[in-house]
Amino acid sequence: MKRITVFAGHYGSGKTNLAVNYAVKQKKEGKEVSICDLDIVNPYFRTKDSAKILEKEGIELISLPFANSNVDLPALPSEVYGLVQRLDRNVIIDLGGDERGALAMGRFTPYILKENNYDMFFVVNFFRPLTTTAHEAVEAFYEIQAASGLKFTGIVNNSNLGSDTSSEDILGTLKRAEELCKKTELPLVFTSVDSRFENIDVPNRFVLKLQEKLF
């Protein structure tokens, strides 16, 4: 576990839900945790949707001023600038949904590289348009990596259909995840599964709760 963990992926990959669950997991393991919403692409789900959950767990949330609105303004709050330099806590970053969104990371990249204590996970949902195959996912992978200035360190298979997901859906994506790992020469960090399927037999299973849409 590195001090800084960045979740990045294409639209609808579920990285926000992962970021929230990952932050809660680290807090329960005794870490001081901050979660930062750097998603300037204004997707359907925002980290701020889980503000009450994060507050209850004692997790600091830093989000964009116009989260949960129809305003798409890439203005970053002042708290973000010092976040990567605060060594007293772990930081979870929810990065934008494409190469344009990943540009927001660029201003922090030099600090992150200097400390060299980070992971950046490529989150893939094979049920989403533009990432239905390993070949399509690779294109998004390199676009985001180039824009952010940080190299990915692992793959997260977060293939799901929300509350309609079945165990067969999850199992059916494992080969595509393996193919993506081969193409990128990176390990499969984990396969996330809804808590309904906590006993499913998949490699490196990460059980999570689905994020509620509050706005």
N, C-alpha and C. Protein backbone atom coordinates (compact mmCIF):
# COMPACT_ATOMS: atom_id res chain seq x y z
N MET A 1 0.84 -1.19 0.00
CA MET A 1 0.00 0.00 0.00
C MET A 1 0.88 1.24 0.00
N LYS A 2 0.72 2.08 -1.02
CA LYS A 2 1.50 3.31 -1.12
C LYS A 2 0.74 4.46 -0.46
N ARG A 3 1.46 5.57 -0.18
CA ARG A 3 0.81 6.68 0.50
C ARG A 3 -0.23 7.35 -0.40
N ILE A 4 0.07 7.47 -1.70
CA ILE A 4 -0.85 8.08 -2.65
C ILE A 4 -1.36 7.01 -3.60
N THR A 5 -2.68 6.94 -3.74
CA THR A 5 -3.29 5.99 -4.67
C THR A 5 -4.22 6.76 -5.60
N VAL A 6 -3.96 6.65 -6.90
CA VAL A 6 -4.77 7.34 -7.91
C VAL A 6 -5.61 6.31 -8.66
N PHE A 7 -6.90 6.54 -8.73
CA PHE A 7 -7.79 5.71 -9.53
C PHE A 7 -8.17 6.50 -10.78
N ALA A 8 -7.86 5.95 -11.95
CA ALA A 8 -8.15 6.62 -13.21
C ALA A 8 -8.73 5.61 -14.19
N GLY A 9 -9.63 6.09 -15.03
CA GLY A 9 -10.23 5.21 -16.02
C GLY A 9 -11.20 5.99 -16.88
N HIS A 10 -11.77 5.30 -17.85
CA HIS A 10 -12.69 5.95 -18.77
C HIS A 10 -14.04 6.21 -18.10
N TYR A 11 -14.89 6.98 -18.79
CA TYR A 11 -16.22 7.27 -18.27
C TYR A 11 -16.95 6.00 -17.85
N GLY A 12 -17.57 6.03 -16.68
CA GLY A 12 -18.38 4.91 -16.25
C GLY A 12 -17.60 3.71 -15.78
N SER A 13 -16.29 3.86 -15.56
CA SER A 13 -15.49 2.72 -15.12
C SER A 13 -15.75 2.39 -13.66
N GLY A 14 -16.29 3.34 -12.91
CA GLY A 14 -16.59 3.10 -11.50
C GLY A 14 -15.46 3.49 -10.56
N LYS A 15 -14.55 4.32 -11.04
CA LYS A 15 -13.39 4.67 -10.21
C LYS A 15 -13.78 5.46 -8.97
N THR A 16 -14.84 6.26 -9.05
CA THR A 16 -15.26 7.02 -7.88
C THR A 16 -15.74 6.09 -6.78
N ASN A 17 -16.56 5.12 -7.14
CA ASN A 17 -17.04 4.15 -6.16
C ASN A 17 -15.86 3.38 -5.55
N LEU A 18 -14.90 3.03 -6.37
CA LEU A 18 -13.70 2.35 -5.88
C LEU A 18 -12.92 3.23 -4.91
N ALA A 19 -12.74 4.48 -5.29
CA ALA A 19 -11.97 5.40 -4.46
C ALA A 19 -12.58 5.53 -3.07
N VAL A 20 -13.90 5.65 -3.01
CA VAL A 20 -14.59 5.78 -1.73
C VAL A 20 -14.41 4.52 -0.90
N ASN A 21 -14.63 3.37 -1.49
CA ASN A 21 -14.49 2.11 -0.77
C ASN A 21 -13.04 1.88 -0.31
N TYR A 22 -12.09 2.24 -1.16
CA TYR A 22 -10.68 2.07 -0.83
C TYR A 22 -10.29 2.98 0.33
N ALA A 23 -10.82 4.19 0.34
CA ALA A 23 -10.54 5.12 1.43
C ALA A 23 -11.10 4.59 2.76
N VAL A 24 -12.30 4.07 2.71
CA VAL A 24 -12.92 3.51 3.92
C VAL A 24 -12.11 2.32 4.42
N LYS A 25 -11.64 1.48 3.50
CA LYS A 25 -10.84 0.32 3.88
C LYS A 25 -9.56 0.76 4.60
N GLN A 26 -8.88 1.75 4.05
CA GLN A 26 -7.65 2.22 4.67
C GLN A 26 -7.91 2.83 6.05
N LYS A 27 -9.01 3.56 6.17
CA LYS A 27 -9.35 4.15 7.48
C LYS A 27 -9.59 3.07 8.52
N LYS A 28 -10.29 2.01 8.13
CA LYS A 28 -10.57 0.92 9.05
C LYS A 28 -9.28 0.18 9.44
N GLU A 29 -8.24 0.31 8.61
CA GLU A 29 -6.96 -0.30 8.93
C GLU A 29 -6.07 0.62 9.76
N GLY A 30 -6.64 1.75 10.19
CA GLY A 30 -5.92 2.63 11.09
C GLY A 30 -5.14 3.75 10.43
N LYS A 31 -5.34 3.98 9.14
CA LYS A 31 -4.64 5.05 8.44
C LYS A 31 -5.40 6.37 8.55
N GLU A 32 -4.67 7.48 8.55
CA GLU A 32 -5.29 8.79 8.37
C GLU A 32 -5.43 9.00 6.86
N VAL A 33 -6.64 9.28 6.42
CA VAL A 33 -6.93 9.26 4.98
C VAL A 33 -7.63 10.53 4.52
N SER A 34 -7.19 11.03 3.37
CA SER A 34 -7.90 12.10 2.66
C SER A 34 -8.27 11.56 1.28
N ILE A 35 -9.44 11.93 0.80
CA ILE A 35 -9.84 11.55 -0.56
C ILE A 35 -10.08 12.83 -1.34
N CYS A 36 -9.52 12.89 -2.54
CA CYS A 36 -9.56 14.11 -3.34
C CYS A 36 -10.25 13.83 -4.68
N ASP A 37 -11.25 14.63 -4.98
CA ASP A 37 -11.97 14.51 -6.25
C ASP A 37 -11.33 15.45 -7.26
N LEU A 38 -10.52 14.88 -8.16
CA LEU A 38 -9.90 15.67 -9.23
C LEU A 38 -10.60 15.43 -10.56
N ASP A 39 -11.85 15.00 -10.50
CA ASP A 39 -12.59 14.69 -11.73
C ASP A 39 -13.26 15.96 -12.25
N ILE A 40 -12.65 16.58 -13.24
CA ILE A 40 -13.20 17.83 -13.80
C ILE A 40 -14.13 17.56 -14.98
N VAL A 41 -14.39 16.28 -15.27
CA VAL A 41 -15.20 15.94 -16.43
C VAL A 41 -16.69 15.91 -16.10
N ASN A 42 -17.01 16.08 -14.82
CA ASN A 42 -18.39 16.16 -14.38
C ASN A 42 -19.20 14.92 -14.74
N PRO A 43 -18.80 13.74 -14.26
CA PRO A 43 -19.53 12.52 -14.56
C PRO A 43 -20.79 12.40 -13.70
N TYR A 44 -21.49 11.30 -13.85
CA TYR A 44 -22.75 11.12 -13.14
C TYR A 44 -22.51 10.99 -11.64
N PHE A 45 -21.55 10.17 -11.24
CA PHE A 45 -21.23 10.00 -9.84
C PHE A 45 -20.07 10.90 -9.45
N ARG A 46 -20.15 11.49 -8.27
CA ARG A 46 -19.07 12.29 -7.74
C ARG A 46 -18.71 11.79 -6.35
N THR A 47 -17.46 12.00 -5.95
CA THR A 47 -17.04 11.60 -4.62
C THR A 47 -17.90 12.28 -3.56
N LYS A 48 -18.34 13.50 -3.84
CA LYS A 48 -19.14 14.25 -2.87
C LYS A 48 -20.46 13.57 -2.58
N ASP A 49 -20.91 12.69 -3.45
CA ASP A 49 -22.14 11.95 -3.20
C ASP A 49 -22.04 11.12 -1.92
N SER A 50 -20.81 10.76 -1.55
CA SER A 50 -20.57 9.94 -0.37
C SER A 50 -20.06 10.76 0.80
N ALA A 51 -20.34 12.08 0.80
CA ALA A 51 -19.80 12.98 1.83
C ALA A 51 -20.20 12.54 3.23
N LYS A 52 -21.45 12.14 3.41
CA LYS A 52 -21.91 11.75 4.74
C LYS A 52 -21.20 10.49 5.22
N ILE A 53 -21.00 9.54 4.31
CA ILE A 53 -20.30 8.31 4.67
C ILE A 53 -18.86 8.61 5.06
N LEU A 54 -18.20 9.44 4.27
CA LEU A 54 -16.82 9.78 4.53
C LEU A 54 -16.67 10.54 5.84
N GLU A 55 -17.59 11.46 6.10
CA GLU A 55 -17.55 12.21 7.35
C GLU A 55 -17.73 11.29 8.55
N LYS A 56 -18.64 10.35 8.43
CA LYS A 56 -18.88 9.39 9.51
C LYS A 56 -17.64 8.56 9.80
N GLU A 57 -16.89 8.23 8.76
CA GLU A 57 -15.69 7.42 8.92
C GLU A 57 -14.47 8.26 9.34
N GLY A 58 -14.61 9.57 9.34
CA GLY A 58 -13.49 10.42 9.71
C GLY A 58 -12.49 10.60 8.59
N ILE A 59 -12.98 10.58 7.35
CA ILE A 59 -12.13 10.73 6.17
C ILE A 59 -12.30 12.13 5.60
N GLU A 60 -11.20 12.83 5.42
CA GLU A 60 -11.24 14.18 4.86
C GLU A 60 -11.58 14.13 3.37
N LEU A 61 -12.55 14.94 2.96
CA LEU A 61 -12.95 15.02 1.56
C LEU A 61 -12.61 16.38 0.99
N ILE A 62 -11.88 16.37 -0.12
CA ILE A 62 -11.58 17.60 -0.85
C ILE A 62 -12.16 17.44 -2.25
N SER A 63 -13.13 18.28 -2.58
CA SER A 63 -13.80 18.15 -3.87
C SER A 63 -13.85 19.49 -4.57
N LEU A 64 -14.15 19.47 -5.85
CA LEU A 64 -14.22 20.69 -6.63
C LEU A 64 -15.42 21.54 -6.21
N PRO A 65 -15.32 22.85 -6.33
CA PRO A 65 -16.40 23.74 -5.87
C PRO A 65 -17.74 23.48 -6.55
N PHE A 66 -17.71 22.98 -7.80
CA PHE A 66 -18.96 22.82 -8.54
C PHE A 66 -19.35 21.36 -8.71
N ALA A 67 -18.86 20.50 -7.79
CA ALA A 67 -19.28 19.10 -7.83
C ALA A 67 -20.79 19.01 -7.65
N ASN A 68 -21.40 18.05 -8.36
CA ASN A 68 -22.84 17.82 -8.30
C ASN A 68 -23.65 18.98 -8.87
N SER A 69 -23.09 19.68 -9.83
CA SER A 69 -23.81 20.71 -10.56
C SER A 69 -23.56 20.48 -12.04
N ASN A 70 -24.19 21.28 -12.88
CA ASN A 70 -23.95 21.14 -14.31
C ASN A 70 -22.86 22.10 -14.79
N VAL A 71 -22.10 22.65 -13.86
CA VAL A 71 -21.00 23.55 -14.19
C VAL A 71 -19.72 22.74 -14.33
N ASP A 72 -19.09 22.83 -15.45
CA ASP A 72 -17.86 22.08 -15.70
C ASP A 72 -16.69 23.05 -15.70
N LEU A 73 -16.20 23.38 -14.52
CA LEU A 73 -15.13 24.36 -14.40
C LEU A 73 -13.93 23.73 -13.72
N PRO A 74 -12.80 23.58 -14.42
CA PRO A 74 -11.63 22.93 -13.84
C PRO A 74 -10.86 23.81 -12.87
N ALA A 75 -11.56 24.38 -11.88
CA ALA A 75 -10.90 25.17 -10.85
C ALA A 75 -10.65 24.29 -9.64
N LEU A 76 -9.45 24.32 -9.12
CA LEU A 76 -9.09 23.45 -8.01
C LEU A 76 -9.00 24.24 -6.71
N PRO A 77 -9.58 23.71 -5.63
CA PRO A 77 -9.50 24.40 -4.36
C PRO A 77 -8.07 24.44 -3.83
N SER A 78 -7.79 25.44 -2.99
CA SER A 78 -6.42 25.63 -2.51
C SER A 78 -5.92 24.44 -1.71
N GLU A 79 -6.85 23.69 -1.06
CA GLU A 79 -6.44 22.55 -0.25
C GLU A 79 -5.72 21.47 -1.07
N VAL A 80 -6.07 21.40 -2.35
CA VAL A 80 -5.50 20.35 -3.19
C VAL A 80 -4.00 20.55 -3.37
N TYR A 81 -3.57 21.78 -3.46
CA TYR A 81 -2.18 22.05 -3.79
C TYR A 81 -1.22 21.55 -2.71
N GLY A 82 -1.66 21.57 -1.46
CA GLY A 82 -0.79 21.09 -0.40
C GLY A 82 -1.00 19.64 -0.06
N LEU A 83 -2.01 19.02 -0.68
CA LEU A 83 -2.38 17.67 -0.29
C LEU A 83 -1.27 16.65 -0.52
N VAL A 84 -0.63 16.72 -1.68
CA VAL A 84 0.39 15.71 -2.00
C VAL A 84 1.65 15.90 -1.17
N GLN A 85 1.77 17.04 -0.48
CA GLN A 85 2.95 17.29 0.33
C GLN A 85 2.71 17.04 1.81
N ARG A 86 1.48 16.68 2.16
CA ARG A 86 1.17 16.37 3.56
C ARG A 86 1.47 14.90 3.81
N LEU A 87 2.62 14.64 4.40
CA LEU A 87 3.09 13.26 4.54
C LEU A 87 2.47 12.55 5.73
N ASP A 88 1.59 13.23 6.47
CA ASP A 88 1.01 12.64 7.67
C ASP A 88 -0.20 11.77 7.38
N ARG A 89 -0.57 11.63 6.12
CA ARG A 89 -1.78 10.88 5.79
C ARG A 89 -1.69 10.24 4.41
N ASN A 90 -2.51 9.23 4.22
CA ASN A 90 -2.64 8.62 2.90
C ASN A 90 -3.63 9.42 2.07
N VAL A 91 -3.41 9.45 0.78
CA VAL A 91 -4.25 10.24 -0.13
C VAL A 91 -4.81 9.34 -1.22
N ILE A 92 -6.12 9.39 -1.40
CA ILE A 92 -6.80 8.68 -2.48
C ILE A 92 -7.29 9.73 -3.47
N ILE A 93 -6.94 9.58 -4.74
CA ILE A 93 -7.32 10.57 -5.76
C ILE A 93 -8.22 9.92 -6.81
N ASP A 94 -9.36 10.55 -7.02
CA ASP A 94 -10.30 10.15 -8.08
C ASP A 94 -10.04 11.06 -9.27
N LEU A 95 -9.41 10.50 -10.30
CA LEU A 95 -8.97 11.31 -11.45
C LEU A 95 -10.03 11.30 -12.55
N GLY A 96 -9.94 12.30 -13.44
CA GLY A 96 -10.92 12.50 -14.50
C GLY A 96 -11.10 11.32 -15.44
N GLY A 97 -12.21 11.38 -16.20
CA GLY A 97 -12.64 10.24 -16.98
C GLY A 97 -12.04 10.09 -18.36
N ASP A 98 -11.12 10.96 -18.75
CA ASP A 98 -10.46 10.79 -20.04
C ASP A 98 -9.14 11.54 -19.99
N GLU A 99 -8.46 11.66 -21.14
CA GLU A 99 -7.16 12.33 -21.14
C GLU A 99 -7.29 13.81 -20.76
N ARG A 100 -8.42 14.45 -21.07
CA ARG A 100 -8.61 15.84 -20.69
C ARG A 100 -8.70 15.97 -19.17
N GLY A 101 -9.45 15.06 -18.56
CA GLY A 101 -9.55 15.07 -17.11
C GLY A 101 -8.23 14.77 -16.44
N ALA A 102 -7.44 13.90 -17.06
CA ALA A 102 -6.15 13.51 -16.48
C ALA A 102 -5.15 14.65 -16.47
N LEU A 103 -5.39 15.67 -17.30
CA LEU A 103 -4.49 16.82 -17.31
C LEU A 103 -4.46 17.53 -15.96
N ALA A 104 -5.53 17.38 -15.18
CA ALA A 104 -5.58 18.02 -13.86
C ALA A 104 -4.49 17.49 -12.95
N MET A 105 -4.04 16.27 -13.21
CA MET A 105 -2.99 15.68 -12.39
C MET A 105 -1.61 16.27 -12.68
N GLY A 106 -1.46 16.84 -13.87
CA GLY A 106 -0.14 17.27 -14.33
C GLY A 106 0.58 18.21 -13.38
N ARG A 107 -0.15 19.12 -12.75
CA ARG A 107 0.50 20.10 -11.88
C ARG A 107 1.03 19.48 -10.59
N PHE A 108 0.55 18.27 -10.25
CA PHE A 108 1.00 17.60 -9.03
C PHE A 108 2.03 16.51 -9.32
N THR A 109 2.17 16.15 -10.58
CA THR A 109 3.05 15.04 -10.95
C THR A 109 4.48 15.19 -10.45
N PRO A 110 5.12 16.36 -10.57
CA PRO A 110 6.50 16.48 -10.08
C PRO A 110 6.65 16.14 -8.61
N TYR A 111 5.69 16.56 -7.77
CA TYR A 111 5.75 16.28 -6.34
C TYR A 111 5.56 14.79 -6.07
N ILE A 112 4.64 14.18 -6.81
CA ILE A 112 4.37 12.76 -6.62
C ILE A 112 5.57 11.92 -7.05
N LEU A 113 6.17 12.29 -8.17
CA LEU A 113 7.33 11.55 -8.65
C LEU A 113 8.53 11.72 -7.72
N LYS A 114 8.66 12.90 -7.15
CA LYS A 114 9.79 13.16 -6.25
C LYS A 114 9.69 12.28 -5.00
N GLU A 115 8.49 12.18 -4.44
CA GLU A 115 8.31 11.33 -3.25
C GLU A 115 8.40 9.86 -3.63
N ASN A 116 7.88 9.51 -4.81
CA ASN A 116 7.93 8.14 -5.34
C ASN A 116 7.30 7.14 -4.37
N ASN A 117 6.11 7.48 -3.91
CA ASN A 117 5.39 6.59 -3.01
C ASN A 117 3.92 6.57 -3.44
N TYR A 118 3.70 6.19 -4.70
CA TYR A 118 2.34 6.22 -5.24
C TYR A 118 2.04 4.96 -6.06
N ASP A 119 0.76 4.69 -6.20
CA ASP A 119 0.23 3.75 -7.17
C ASP A 119 -0.81 4.47 -7.99
N MET A 120 -0.84 4.21 -9.28
CA MET A 120 -1.93 4.70 -10.13
C MET A 120 -2.54 3.50 -10.84
N PHE A 121 -3.79 3.23 -10.52
CA PHE A 121 -4.47 2.05 -11.03
C PHE A 121 -5.41 2.43 -12.18
N PHE A 122 -5.30 1.68 -13.27
CA PHE A 122 -6.21 1.86 -14.39
C PHE A 122 -7.45 1.02 -14.12
N VAL A 123 -8.58 1.70 -13.98
CA VAL A 123 -9.85 1.03 -13.68
C VAL A 123 -10.61 0.79 -14.98
N VAL A 124 -10.97 -0.46 -15.23
CA VAL A 124 -11.65 -0.79 -16.47
C VAL A 124 -12.98 -1.47 -16.17
N ASN A 125 -14.00 -1.05 -16.89
CA ASN A 125 -15.31 -1.68 -16.84
C ASN A 125 -15.63 -2.12 -18.26
N PHE A 126 -15.54 -3.40 -18.52
CA PHE A 126 -15.72 -3.92 -19.87
C PHE A 126 -17.17 -3.86 -20.35
N PHE A 127 -18.06 -3.40 -19.51
CA PHE A 127 -19.46 -3.24 -19.92
C PHE A 127 -19.77 -1.80 -20.36
N ARG A 128 -18.77 -0.95 -20.37
CA ARG A 128 -18.96 0.43 -20.78
C ARG A 128 -18.52 0.63 -22.22
N PRO A 129 -19.19 1.55 -22.95
CA PRO A 129 -18.77 1.84 -24.33
C PRO A 129 -17.32 2.32 -24.36
N LEU A 130 -16.62 1.99 -25.43
CA LEU A 130 -15.23 2.38 -25.68
C LEU A 130 -14.21 1.57 -24.89
N THR A 131 -14.66 0.71 -23.98
CA THR A 131 -13.72 -0.19 -23.29
C THR A 131 -14.32 -1.59 -23.19
N THR A 132 -14.98 -2.03 -24.24
CA THR A 132 -15.62 -3.35 -24.20
C THR A 132 -14.64 -4.48 -24.45
N THR A 133 -13.45 -4.14 -24.98
CA THR A 133 -12.43 -5.14 -25.24
C THR A 133 -11.10 -4.67 -24.65
N ALA A 134 -10.16 -5.58 -24.53
CA ALA A 134 -8.84 -5.22 -24.04
C ALA A 134 -8.16 -4.23 -24.99
N HIS A 135 -8.38 -4.41 -26.29
CA HIS A 135 -7.78 -3.51 -27.28
C HIS A 135 -8.28 -2.09 -27.10
N GLU A 136 -9.60 -1.92 -26.91
CA GLU A 136 -10.16 -0.59 -26.69
C GLU A 136 -9.66 0.02 -25.38
N ALA A 137 -9.58 -0.81 -24.35
CA ALA A 137 -9.14 -0.32 -23.05
C ALA A 137 -7.70 0.17 -23.09
N VAL A 138 -6.86 -0.49 -23.89
CA VAL A 138 -5.45 -0.08 -24.00
C VAL A 138 -5.34 1.33 -24.54
N GLU A 139 -6.19 1.68 -25.50
CA GLU A 139 -6.16 3.04 -26.06
C GLU A 139 -6.43 4.07 -24.98
N ALA A 140 -7.45 3.84 -24.16
CA ALA A 140 -7.76 4.76 -23.07
C ALA A 140 -6.63 4.79 -22.05
N PHE A 141 -6.05 3.64 -21.80
CA PHE A 141 -4.93 3.50 -20.86
C PHE A 141 -3.79 4.46 -21.22
N TYR A 142 -3.35 4.42 -22.46
CA TYR A 142 -2.20 5.23 -22.87
C TYR A 142 -2.55 6.71 -22.99
N GLU A 143 -3.78 7.01 -23.35
CA GLU A 143 -4.20 8.42 -23.42
C GLU A 143 -4.15 9.06 -22.04
N ILE A 144 -4.70 8.38 -21.05
CA ILE A 144 -4.74 8.91 -19.68
C ILE A 144 -3.33 8.98 -19.10
N GLN A 145 -2.54 7.96 -19.35
CA GLN A 145 -1.18 7.93 -18.82
C GLN A 145 -0.35 9.09 -19.36
N ALA A 146 -0.47 9.35 -20.65
CA ALA A 146 0.29 10.43 -21.27
C ALA A 146 -0.15 11.79 -20.74
N ALA A 147 -1.45 11.98 -20.57
CA ALA A 147 -1.97 13.27 -20.12
C ALA A 147 -1.62 13.56 -18.68
N SER A 148 -1.60 12.54 -17.84
CA SER A 148 -1.34 12.74 -16.41
C SER A 148 0.14 12.92 -16.10
N GLY A 149 1.00 12.34 -16.95
CA GLY A 149 2.43 12.39 -16.69
C GLY A 149 2.89 11.36 -15.69
N LEU A 150 1.98 10.49 -15.25
CA LEU A 150 2.31 9.41 -14.33
C LEU A 150 2.09 8.07 -15.01
N LYS A 151 2.93 7.11 -14.70
CA LYS A 151 2.76 5.77 -15.26
C LYS A 151 1.82 4.96 -14.38
N PHE A 152 0.94 4.21 -15.03
CA PHE A 152 0.10 3.28 -14.30
C PHE A 152 0.97 2.19 -13.67
N THR A 153 0.53 1.70 -12.52
CA THR A 153 1.27 0.64 -11.84
C THR A 153 0.48 -0.65 -11.72
N GLY A 154 -0.80 -0.62 -12.09
CA GLY A 154 -1.60 -1.82 -11.99
C GLY A 154 -2.96 -1.65 -12.65
N ILE A 155 -3.64 -2.78 -12.83
CA ILE A 155 -4.97 -2.83 -13.45
C ILE A 155 -5.99 -3.26 -12.42
N VAL A 156 -7.14 -2.59 -12.44
CA VAL A 156 -8.27 -2.98 -11.59
C VAL A 156 -9.44 -3.34 -12.49
N ASN A 157 -9.92 -4.57 -12.38
CA ASN A 157 -11.08 -5.01 -13.14
C ASN A 157 -12.33 -4.67 -12.34
N ASN A 158 -13.04 -3.65 -12.78
CA ASN A 158 -14.24 -3.20 -12.08
C ASN A 158 -15.46 -3.36 -12.98
N SER A 159 -15.48 -4.42 -13.76
CA SER A 159 -16.57 -4.64 -14.70
C SER A 159 -17.87 -4.94 -13.95
N ASN A 160 -18.90 -4.13 -14.24
CA ASN A 160 -20.16 -4.31 -13.55
C ASN A 160 -21.28 -3.63 -14.33
N LEU A 161 -22.49 -3.98 -13.97
CA LEU A 161 -23.70 -3.36 -14.52
C LEU A 161 -24.53 -2.78 -13.39
N GLY A 162 -23.83 -2.23 -12.40
CA GLY A 162 -24.52 -1.68 -11.25
C GLY A 162 -25.28 -2.74 -10.49
N SER A 163 -26.48 -2.41 -10.06
CA SER A 163 -27.29 -3.34 -9.28
C SER A 163 -27.78 -4.53 -10.11
N ASP A 164 -27.62 -4.44 -11.45
CA ASP A 164 -28.05 -5.54 -12.32
C ASP A 164 -26.94 -6.57 -12.56
N THR A 165 -25.80 -6.36 -11.96
CA THR A 165 -24.65 -7.27 -12.17
C THR A 165 -24.94 -8.65 -11.60
N SER A 166 -24.53 -9.66 -12.35
CA SER A 166 -24.62 -11.05 -11.89
C SER A 166 -23.22 -11.61 -11.72
N SER A 167 -23.11 -12.71 -11.02
CA SER A 167 -21.80 -13.35 -10.86
C SER A 167 -21.24 -13.78 -12.21
N GLU A 168 -22.12 -14.19 -13.13
CA GLU A 168 -21.69 -14.59 -14.46
C GLU A 168 -21.08 -13.42 -15.22
N ASP A 169 -21.62 -12.22 -15.00
CA ASP A 169 -21.07 -11.03 -15.65
C ASP A 169 -19.62 -10.82 -15.22
N ILE A 170 -19.37 -10.95 -13.93
CA ILE A 170 -18.02 -10.73 -13.40
C ILE A 170 -17.06 -11.79 -13.93
N LEU A 171 -17.45 -13.04 -13.83
CA LEU A 171 -16.59 -14.13 -14.27
C LEU A 171 -16.30 -14.05 -15.77
N GLY A 172 -17.26 -13.54 -16.53
CA GLY A 172 -17.11 -13.46 -17.97
C GLY A 172 -16.10 -12.43 -18.44
N THR A 173 -15.63 -11.56 -17.54
CA THR A 173 -14.66 -10.53 -17.93
C THR A 173 -13.23 -10.86 -17.53
N LEU A 174 -13.03 -11.96 -16.84
CA LEU A 174 -11.70 -12.27 -16.31
C LEU A 174 -10.66 -12.45 -17.41
N LYS A 175 -11.04 -13.10 -18.50
CA LYS A 175 -10.08 -13.30 -19.59
C LYS A 175 -9.70 -11.99 -20.25
N ARG A 176 -10.67 -11.09 -20.39
CA ARG A 176 -10.36 -9.78 -20.96
C ARG A 176 -9.42 -9.00 -20.04
N ALA A 177 -9.61 -9.13 -18.74
CA ALA A 177 -8.73 -8.47 -17.79
C ALA A 177 -7.32 -9.03 -17.89
N GLU A 178 -7.21 -10.34 -18.03
CA GLU A 178 -5.89 -10.97 -18.19
C GLU A 178 -5.22 -10.50 -19.47
N GLU A 179 -6.00 -10.37 -20.55
CA GLU A 179 -5.45 -9.90 -21.82
C GLU A 179 -4.96 -8.46 -21.69
N LEU A 180 -5.71 -7.63 -20.98
CA LEU A 180 -5.31 -6.24 -20.77
C LEU A 180 -4.00 -6.18 -19.97
N CYS A 181 -3.87 -7.03 -18.99
CA CYS A 181 -2.64 -7.07 -18.20
C CYS A 181 -1.44 -7.45 -19.07
N LYS A 182 -1.65 -8.38 -19.98
CA LYS A 182 -0.57 -8.78 -20.87
C LYS A 182 -0.18 -7.64 -21.81
N LYS A 183 -1.18 -6.94 -22.32
CA LYS A 183 -0.90 -5.85 -23.25
C LYS A 183 -0.17 -4.69 -22.59
N THR A 184 -0.47 -4.44 -21.33
CA THR A 184 0.14 -3.32 -20.62
C THR A 184 1.35 -3.73 -19.78
N GLU A 185 1.55 -5.06 -19.64
CA GLU A 185 2.63 -5.62 -18.83
C GLU A 185 2.53 -5.15 -17.38
N LEU A 186 1.30 -5.10 -16.89
CA LEU A 186 1.05 -4.71 -15.50
C LEU A 186 0.23 -5.78 -14.79
N PRO A 187 0.34 -5.86 -13.47
CA PRO A 187 -0.41 -6.88 -12.73
C PRO A 187 -1.88 -6.51 -12.55
N LEU A 188 -2.71 -7.53 -12.36
CA LEU A 188 -4.09 -7.31 -11.97
C LEU A 188 -4.10 -7.12 -10.45
N VAL A 189 -4.32 -5.88 -10.02
CA VAL A 189 -4.25 -5.56 -8.59
C VAL A 189 -5.42 -6.22 -7.85
N PHE A 190 -6.61 -6.05 -8.38
CA PHE A 190 -7.76 -6.77 -7.84
C PHE A 190 -8.93 -6.70 -8.80
N THR A 191 -9.88 -7.60 -8.58
CA THR A 191 -11.17 -7.57 -9.25
C THR A 191 -12.19 -7.19 -8.21
N SER A 192 -12.89 -6.10 -8.43
CA SER A 192 -13.87 -5.64 -7.44
C SER A 192 -15.20 -6.36 -7.65
N VAL A 193 -15.86 -6.64 -6.56
CA VAL A 193 -17.16 -7.31 -6.60
C VAL A 193 -18.09 -6.67 -5.59
N ASP A 194 -19.34 -6.58 -5.94
CA ASP A 194 -20.38 -6.11 -5.03
C ASP A 194 -20.43 -7.06 -3.83
N SER A 195 -20.79 -6.53 -2.68
CA SER A 195 -20.84 -7.35 -1.46
C SER A 195 -21.81 -8.52 -1.59
N ARG A 196 -22.72 -8.47 -2.56
CA ARG A 196 -23.62 -9.62 -2.79
C ARG A 196 -22.85 -10.84 -3.25
N PHE A 197 -21.65 -10.62 -3.83
CA PHE A 197 -20.87 -11.72 -4.39
C PHE A 197 -19.53 -11.90 -3.66
N GLU A 198 -19.53 -11.64 -2.36
CA GLU A 198 -18.27 -11.66 -1.61
C GLU A 198 -17.61 -13.04 -1.59
N ASN A 199 -18.35 -14.09 -1.91
CA ASN A 199 -17.78 -15.44 -1.92
C ASN A 199 -17.43 -15.94 -3.32
N ILE A 200 -17.55 -15.08 -4.32
CA ILE A 200 -17.25 -15.49 -5.69
C ILE A 200 -15.76 -15.79 -5.83
N ASP A 201 -15.44 -16.78 -6.64
CA ASP A 201 -14.06 -17.23 -6.80
C ASP A 201 -13.38 -16.46 -7.94
N VAL A 202 -12.81 -15.31 -7.60
CA VAL A 202 -12.06 -14.51 -8.57
C VAL A 202 -10.73 -14.12 -7.94
N PRO A 203 -9.69 -13.90 -8.75
CA PRO A 203 -8.39 -13.56 -8.20
C PRO A 203 -8.38 -12.18 -7.55
N ASN A 204 -7.71 -12.08 -6.40
CA ASN A 204 -7.53 -10.79 -5.73
C ASN A 204 -8.85 -10.04 -5.58
N ARG A 205 -9.80 -10.69 -4.99
CA ARG A 205 -11.15 -10.12 -4.85
C ARG A 205 -11.14 -8.93 -3.89
N PHE A 206 -11.80 -7.84 -4.29
CA PHE A 206 -11.99 -6.67 -3.43
C PHE A 206 -13.49 -6.42 -3.32
N VAL A 207 -14.03 -6.67 -2.13
CA VAL A 207 -15.47 -6.54 -1.91
C VAL A 207 -15.80 -5.08 -1.59
N LEU A 208 -16.80 -4.54 -2.26
CA LEU A 208 -17.18 -3.14 -2.04
C LEU A 208 -18.69 -2.98 -1.99
N LYS A 209 -19.11 -1.82 -1.53
CA LYS A 209 -20.51 -1.45 -1.52
C LYS A 209 -20.75 -0.45 -2.64
N LEU A 210 -21.88 -0.57 -3.32
CA LEU A 210 -22.20 0.35 -4.40
C LEU A 210 -22.50 1.73 -3.83
N GLN A 211 -22.00 2.74 -4.50
CA GLN A 211 -22.21 4.13 -4.07
C GLN A 211 -23.63 4.56 -4.37
N GLU A 212 -24.24 5.27 -3.45
CA GLU A 212 -25.56 5.81 -3.67
C GLU A 212 -25.46 7.15 -4.39
N LYS A 213 -26.45 7.42 -5.23
CA LYS A 213 -26.53 8.71 -5.91
C LYS A 213 -27.43 9.61 -5.08
N LEU A 214 -26.83 10.67 -4.47
CA LEU A 214 -27.57 11.49 -3.53
C LEU A 214 -28.02 12.81 -4.14
N PHE A 215 -27.54 13.15 -5.35
CA PHE A 215 -27.88 14.45 -5.94
C PHE A 215 -28.54 14.22 -7.29
